PDB file of N, CA and C in Angstrom:
ATOM      1  N   UNK A   1       2.928  -8.298   8.311  1.00  0.00           N
ATOM      2  CA  UNK A   1       3.983  -7.494   8.908  1.00  0.00           C
ATOM      3  C   UNK A   1       3.710  -8.328  10.173  1.00  0.00           C
ATOM      4  N   UNK A   2       5.062  -8.419  10.934  1.00  0.00           N
ATOM      5  CA  UNK A   2       5.134  -9.246  12.285  1.00  0.00           C
ATOM      6  C   UNK A   2       4.725  -8.415  13.127  1.00  0.00           C
ATOM      7  N   UNK A   3       3.884  -9.134  14.414  1.00  0.00           N
ATOM      8  CA  UNK A   3       3.513  -8.456  15.540  1.00  0.00           C
ATOM      9  C   UNK A   3       3.259  -9.292  16.819  1.00  0.00           C
ATOM     10  N   UNK A   4       3.576  -9.397  17.760  1.00  0.00           N
ATOM     11  CA  UNK A   4       2.735  -9.784  19.010  1.00  0.00           C
ATOM     12  C   UNK A   4       1.764  -9.513  20.006  1.00  0.00           C
ATOM     13  N   UNK A   5       1.020 -10.002  19.851  1.00  0.00           N
ATOM     14  CA  UNK A   5       0.366  -9.480  20.743  1.00  0.00           C
ATOM     15  C   UNK A   5      -0.619 -10.679  21.732  1.00  0.00           C
ATOM     16  N   UNK A   6      -1.578 -10.277  22.402  1.00  0.00           N
ATOM     17  CA  UNK A   6      -1.673 -11.243  23.469  1.00  0.00           C
ATOM     18  C   UNK A   6      -3.327 -11.277  23.415  1.00  0.00           C
ATOM     19  N   UNK A   7      -3.832 -11.983  22.637  1.00  0.00           N
ATOM     20  CA  UNK A   7      -5.317 -11.996  22.170  1.00  0.00           C
ATOM     21  C   UNK A   7      -5.960 -13.106  23.243  1.00  0.00           C
ATOM     22  N   UNK A   8      -6.932 -13.212  23.432  1.00  0.00           N
ATOM     23  CA  UNK A   8      -7.581 -14.081  24.598  1.00  0.00           C
ATOM     24  C   UNK A   8      -8.069 -15.226  23.825  1.00  0.00           C
ATOM     25  N   UNK A   9      -7.377 -16.632  24.637  1.00  0.00           N
ATOM     26  CA  UNK A   9      -7.632 -17.718  23.952  1.00  0.00           C
ATOM     27  C   UNK A   9      -9.370 -17.971  23.231  1.00  0.00           C
ATOM     28  N   UNK A  10     -10.246 -17.871  24.053  1.00  0.00           N
ATOM     29  CA  UNK A  10     -11.441 -17.898  23.764  1.00  0.00           C
ATOM     30  C   UNK A  10     -12.021 -17.316  22.702  1.00  0.00           C
ATOM     31  N   UNK A  11     -11.159 -15.790  22.250  1.00  0.00           N
ATOM     32  CA  UNK A  11     -12.209 -14.786  21.570  1.00  0.00           C
ATOM     33  C   UNK A  11     -11.288 -15.288  20.275  1.00  0.00           C
ATOM     34  N   UNK A  12     -10.311 -15.565  19.906  1.00  0.00           N
ATOM     35  CA  UNK A  12      -9.430 -16.518  19.040  1.00  0.00           C
ATOM     36  C   UNK A  12      -9.938 -17.252  18.448  1.00  0.00           C
ATOM     37  N   UNK A  13     -10.334 -18.565  19.664  1.00  0.00           N
ATOM     38  CA  UNK A  13     -10.990 -19.826  18.868  1.00  0.00           C
ATOM     39  C   UNK A  13     -12.294 -19.454  18.148  1.00  0.00           C
ATOM     40  N   UNK A  14     -13.516 -18.615  18.884  1.00  0.00           N
ATOM     41  CA  UNK A  14     -14.645 -17.923  18.300  1.00  0.00           C
ATOM     42  C   UNK A  14     -14.126 -17.679  16.716  1.00  0.00           C
ATOM     43  N   UNK A  15     -13.327 -16.603  16.630  1.00  0.00           N
ATOM     44  CA  UNK A  15     -13.234 -16.272  15.428  1.00  0.00           C
ATOM     45  C   UNK A  15     -12.483 -16.934  14.238  1.00  0.00           C
ATOM     46  N   UNK A  16     -11.890 -18.064  14.516  1.00  0.00           N
ATOM     47  CA  UNK A  16     -11.433 -19.103  14.029  1.00  0.00           C
ATOM     48  C   UNK A  16     -13.014 -19.968  13.351  1.00  0.00           C
ATOM     49  N   UNK A  17     -13.643 -19.981  14.175  1.00  0.00           N
ATOM     50  CA  UNK A  17     -14.956 -20.624  14.267  1.00  0.00           C
ATOM     51  C   UNK A  17     -15.848 -19.941  13.356  1.00  0.00           C
ATOM     52  N   UNK A  18     -15.753 -19.044  13.706  1.00  0.00           N
ATOM     53  CA  UNK A  18     -16.626 -17.916  12.848  1.00  0.00           C
ATOM     54  C   UNK A  18     -15.840 -17.384  11.058  1.00  0.00           C
ATOM     55  N   UNK A  19     -15.211 -17.729  11.221  1.00  0.00           N
ATOM     56  CA  UNK A  19     -14.529 -17.158   9.660  1.00  0.00           C
ATOM     57  C   UNK A  19     -14.353 -18.644   8.982  1.00  0.00           C
ATOM     58  N   UNK A  20     -14.139 -19.651   9.482  1.00  0.00           N
ATOM     59  CA  UNK A  20     -13.803 -20.715   9.261  1.00  0.00           C
ATOM     60  C   UNK A  20     -12.298 -21.308   8.910  1.00  0.00           C
ATOM     61  N   UNK A  21     -11.536 -20.243   9.264  1.00  0.00           N
ATOM     62  CA  UNK A  21     -10.268 -19.748   9.200  1.00  0.00           C
ATOM     63  C   UNK A  21      -9.228 -21.235   9.975  1.00  0.00           C
ATOM     64  N   UNK A  22      -8.417 -21.539   8.908  1.00  0.00           N
ATOM     65  CA  UNK A  22      -7.316 -23.050   9.723  1.00  0.00           C
ATOM     66  C   UNK A  22      -6.634 -22.638  10.320  1.00  0.00           C
ATOM     67  N   UNK A  23      -6.394 -21.208   9.903  1.00  0.00           N
ATOM     68  CA  UNK A  23      -5.069 -20.810  10.929  1.00  0.00           C
ATOM     69  C   UNK A  23      -5.454 -19.831  12.043  1.00  0.00           C
ATOM     70  N   UNK A  24      -4.721 -19.646  12.644  1.00  0.00           N
ATOM     71  CA  UNK A  24      -4.797 -18.178  13.476  1.00  0.00           C
ATOM     72  C   UNK A  24      -4.479 -16.867  12.986  1.00  0.00           C
ATOM     73  N   UNK A  25      -3.647 -16.405  11.951  1.00  0.00           N
ATOM     74  CA  UNK A  25      -3.270 -15.954  11.065  1.00  0.00           C
ATOM     75  C   UNK A  25      -4.269 -15.249  10.201  1.00  0.00           C
ATOM     76  N   UNK A  26      -5.057 -16.202   9.552  1.00  0.00           N
ATOM     77  CA  UNK A  26      -6.642 -16.442   8.676  1.00  0.00           C
ATOM     78  C   UNK A  26      -7.493 -15.653   9.577  1.00  0.00           C
ATOM     79  N   UNK A  27      -7.624 -16.094  10.466  1.00  0.00           N
ATOM     80  CA  UNK A  27      -8.831 -15.768  11.269  1.00  0.00           C
ATOM     81  C   UNK A  27      -8.891 -14.045  11.584  1.00  0.00           C
ATOM     82  N   UNK A  28      -7.658 -14.369  12.158  1.00  0.00           N
ATOM     83  CA  UNK A  28      -7.203 -12.597  12.482  1.00  0.00           C
ATOM     84  C   UNK A  28      -7.277 -11.716  11.252  1.00  0.00           C
ATOM     85  N   UNK A  29      -6.537 -11.761  10.111  1.00  0.00           N
ATOM     86  CA  UNK A  29      -6.655 -11.526   8.810  1.00  0.00           C
ATOM     87  C   UNK A  29      -8.302 -11.214   8.142  1.00  0.00           C
ATOM     88  N   UNK A  30      -8.814 -12.010   8.257  1.00  0.00           N
ATOM     89  CA  UNK A  30     -10.388 -12.376   7.726  1.00  0.00           C
ATOM     90  C   UNK A  30     -11.280 -11.053   8.748  1.00  0.00           C
ATOM     91  N   UNK A  31     -10.898 -11.308   9.919  1.00  0.00           N
ATOM     92  CA  UNK A  31     -11.640 -10.298  11.434  1.00  0.00           C
ATOM     93  C   UNK A  31     -11.700  -9.140  11.011  1.00  0.00           C
ATOM     94  N   UNK A  32      -9.960  -8.440  11.024  1.00  0.00           N
ATOM     95  CA  UNK A  32      -9.960  -7.299  10.573  1.00  0.00           C
ATOM     96  C   UNK A  32     -10.261  -6.854   9.026  1.00  0.00           C
ATOM     97  N   UNK A  33     -10.720  -7.778   8.206  1.00  0.00           N
ATOM     98  CA  UNK A  33     -11.140  -7.032   7.082  1.00  0.00           C
ATOM     99  C   UNK A  33     -12.514  -7.046   7.278  1.00  0.00           C
ATOM    100  N   UNK A  34     -13.278  -7.828   7.763  1.00  0.00           N
ATOM    101  CA  UNK A  34     -14.311  -7.857   7.880  1.00  0.00           C
ATOM    102  C   UNK A  34     -14.876  -6.463   8.677  1.00  0.00           C
ATOM    103  N   UNK A  35     -14.230  -6.290   9.600  1.00  0.00           N
ATOM    104  CA  UNK A  35     -14.157  -4.827  10.739  1.00  0.00           C
ATOM    105  C   UNK A  35     -13.922  -3.822   9.662  1.00  0.00           C
ATOM    106  N   UNK A  36     -12.956  -3.499   9.076  1.00  0.00           N
ATOM    107  CA  UNK A  36     -13.051  -2.395   8.262  1.00  0.00           C
ATOM    108  C   UNK A  36     -13.887  -2.301   7.185  1.00  0.00           C
ATOM    109  N   UNK A  37     -14.501  -3.562   6.396  1.00  0.00           N
ATOM    110  CA  UNK A  37     -15.511  -3.422   5.597  1.00  0.00           C
ATOM    111  C   UNK A  37     -16.557  -2.797   6.088  1.00  0.00           C
ATOM    112  N   UNK A  38     -17.180  -3.102   6.955  1.00  0.00           N
ATOM    113  CA  UNK A  38     -18.422  -2.931   8.029  1.00  0.00           C
ATOM    114  C   UNK A  38     -17.874  -1.498   8.421  1.00  0.00           C
ATOM    115  N   UNK A  39     -16.827  -0.725   9.031  1.00  0.00           N
ATOM    116  CA  UNK A  39     -16.551   0.340   9.050  1.00  0.00           C
ATOM    117  C   UNK A  39     -16.893   1.613   7.623  1.00  0.00           C
ATOM    118  N   UNK A  40     -16.173   0.775   7.014  1.00  0.00           N
ATOM    119  CA  UNK A  40     -16.245   1.589   5.503  1.00  0.00           C
ATOM    120  C   UNK A  40     -18.235   1.677   5.273  1.00  0.00           C
ATOM    121  N   UNK A  41     -18.836   0.739   5.063  1.00  0.00           N
ATOM    122  CA  UNK A  41     -20.270   0.726   5.047  1.00  0.00           C
ATOM    123  C   UNK A  41     -20.990   1.601   5.579  1.00  0.00           C
ATOM    124  N   UNK A  42     -20.221   1.648   7.040  1.00  0.00           N
ATOM    125  CA  UNK A  42     -21.344   2.623   8.336  1.00  0.00           C
ATOM    126  C   UNK A  42     -20.998   4.261   8.030  1.00  0.00           C
ATOM    127  N   UNK A  43     -19.274   4.235   7.340  1.00  0.00           N
ATOM    128  CA  UNK A  43     -19.500   5.672   7.053  1.00  0.00           C
ATOM    129  C   UNK A  43     -19.992   6.077   5.720  1.00  0.00           C
ATOM    130  N   UNK A  44     -20.629   5.357   4.936  1.00  0.00           N
ATOM    131  CA  UNK A  44     -21.051   5.505   3.560  1.00  0.00           C
ATOM    132  C   UNK A  44     -22.755   5.320   3.913  1.00  0.00           C
ATOM    133  N   UNK A  45     -23.102   5.038   4.948  1.00  0.00           N
ATOM    134  CA  UNK A  45     -24.704   5.430   5.554  1.00  0.00           C
ATOM    135  C   UNK A  45     -25.338   7.074   5.830  1.00  0.00           C
ATOM    136  N   UNK A  46     -23.833   7.715   6.356  1.00  0.00           N
ATOM    137  CA  UNK A  46     -23.975   8.870   6.302  1.00  0.00           C
ATOM    138  C   UNK A  46     -24.475   9.730   5.465  1.00  0.00           C
ATOM    139  N   UNK A  47     -24.166   9.604   4.171  1.00  0.00           N
ATOM    140  CA  UNK A  47     -24.683  10.010   2.919  1.00  0.00           C
ATOM    141  C   UNK A  47     -26.026   9.665   2.468  1.00  0.00           C
ATOM    142  N   UNK A  48     -26.891   8.238   2.726  1.00  0.00           N
ATOM    143  CA  UNK A  48     -27.978   8.060   2.227  1.00  0.00           C
ATOM    144  C   UNK A  48     -28.705   9.203   2.226  1.00  0.00           C
ATOM    145  N   UNK A  49     -29.219   9.127   0.501  1.00  0.00           N
ATOM    146  CA  UNK A  49     -30.164  10.388   0.454  1.00  0.00           C
ATOM    147  C   UNK A  49     -30.129  11.634   0.547  1.00  0.00           C
ATOM    148  N   UNK A  50     -28.736  11.848   0.209  1.00  0.00           N
ATOM    149  CA  UNK A  50     -28.162  13.027   0.254  1.00  0.00           C
ATOM    150  C   UNK A  50     -28.027  13.311  -1.115  1.00  0.00           C
ATOM    151  N   UNK A  51     -28.054  12.592  -2.420  1.00  0.00           N
ATOM    152  CA  UNK A  51     -27.842  13.248  -3.524  1.00  0.00           C
ATOM    153  C   UNK A  51     -28.997  13.532  -4.060  1.00  0.00           C
ATOM    154  N   UNK A  52     -29.106  14.793  -5.010  1.00  0.00           N
ATOM    155  CA  UNK A  52     -30.085  15.540  -5.258  1.00  0.00           C
ATOM    156  C   UNK A  52     -30.225  14.747  -6.821  1.00  0.00           C
ATOM    157  N   UNK A  53     -29.194  14.630  -7.324  1.00  0.00           N
ATOM    158  CA  UNK A  53     -29.328  14.136  -9.055  1.00  0.00           C
ATOM    159  C   UNK A  53     -29.876  12.659  -9.135  1.00  0.00           C
ATOM    160  N   UNK A  54     -30.251  12.180  -8.061  1.00  0.00           N
ATOM    161  CA  UNK A  54     -31.014  10.503  -8.367  1.00  0.00           C
ATOM    162  C   UNK A  54     -32.620  10.564  -8.695  1.00  0.00           C
ATOM    163  N   UNK A  55     -32.563   9.731  -9.548  1.00  0.00           N
ATOM    164  CA  UNK A  55     -34.330   9.976  -9.751  1.00  0.00           C
ATOM    165  C   UNK A  55     -34.984   8.926  -8.413  1.00  0.00           C
ATOM    166  N   UNK A  56     -36.236   8.696  -8.556  1.00  0.00           N
ATOM    167  CA  UNK A  56     -36.797   8.056  -7.586  1.00  0.00           C
ATOM    168  C   UNK A  56     -37.438   6.915  -8.330  1.00  0.00           C
ATOM    169  N   UNK A  57     -37.784   5.538  -7.200  1.00  0.00           N
ATOM    170  CA  UNK A  57     -37.884   4.322  -7.959  1.00  0.00           C
ATOM    171  C   UNK A  57     -39.395   4.615  -9.006  1.00  0.00           C
ATOM    172  N   UNK A  58     -40.371   5.820  -8.348  1.00  0.00           N
ATOM    173  CA  UNK A  58     -41.201   6.047  -9.507  1.00  0.00           C
ATOM    174  C   UNK A  58     -40.897   6.463 -10.738  1.00  0.00           C
ATOM    175  N   UNK A  59     -40.219   7.324 -10.549  1.00  0.00           N
ATOM    176  CA  UNK A  59     -39.581   7.949 -11.813  1.00  0.00           C
ATOM    177  C   UNK A  59     -39.060   7.289 -12.760  1.00  0.00           C
ATOM    178  N   UNK A  60     -38.164   6.546 -12.689  1.00  0.00           N
ATOM    179  CA  UNK A  60     -37.004   4.998 -12.991  1.00  0.00           C
ATOM    180  C   UNK A  60     -38.534   4.128 -13.829  1.00  0.00           C
ATOM    181  N   UNK A  61     -39.513   3.428 -12.768  1.00  0.00           N
ATOM    182  CA  UNK A  61     -40.669   2.988 -13.066  1.00  0.00           C
ATOM    183  C   UNK A  61     -41.156   3.718 -14.438  1.00  0.00           C
ATOM    184  N   UNK A  62     -41.634   4.956 -14.222  1.00  0.00           N
ATOM    185  CA  UNK A  62     -42.287   5.195 -15.670  1.00  0.00           C
ATOM    186  C   UNK A  62     -41.495   5.946 -16.595  1.00  0.00           C
ATOM    187  N   UNK A  63     -40.205   5.821 -16.280  1.00  0.00           N
ATOM    188  CA  UNK A  63     -39.506   5.695 -18.046  1.00  0.00           C
ATOM    189  C   UNK A  63     -39.042   5.172 -18.082  1.00  0.00           C
ATOM    190  N   UNK A  64     -39.162   3.693 -17.608  1.00  0.00           N
ATOM    191  CA  UNK A  64     -38.934   1.725 -18.203  1.00  0.00           C
ATOM    192  C   UNK A  64     -39.799   1.519 -19.033  1.00  0.00           C
ATOM    193  N   UNK A  65     -41.587   1.972 -18.813  1.00  0.00           N
ATOM    194  CA  UNK A  65     -42.568   1.826 -19.095  1.00  0.00           C
ATOM    195  C   UNK A  65     -42.522   2.512 -20.396  1.00  0.00           C
ATOM    196  N   UNK A  66     -42.496   3.804 -20.291  1.00  0.00           N
ATOM    197  CA  UNK A  66     -42.387   4.406 -21.608  1.00  0.00           C
ATOM    198  C   UNK A  66     -41.794   3.601 -23.139  1.00  0.00           C
ATOM    199  N   UNK A  67     -40.357   3.191 -22.630  1.00  0.00           N
ATOM    200  CA  UNK A  67     -40.135   2.411 -23.281  1.00  0.00           C
ATOM    201  C   UNK A  67     -38.434   2.838 -23.758  1.00  0.00           C
TER     202      UNK A  67
END
């Protein structure tokens, strides 16, 4: 999708350096993908420890020792 936006030159230069992108487009796409991945992971953290069906690490170790 084509769009025109005003991105501060210093921010874009940093994004290109951090993402090791060769083009401005590549830097923006990489930064957006990383941002979205981090937000999805943050959403998943809300559910950490809420599943009653999982066994504990100790229980797993016991089962492995039994064979």
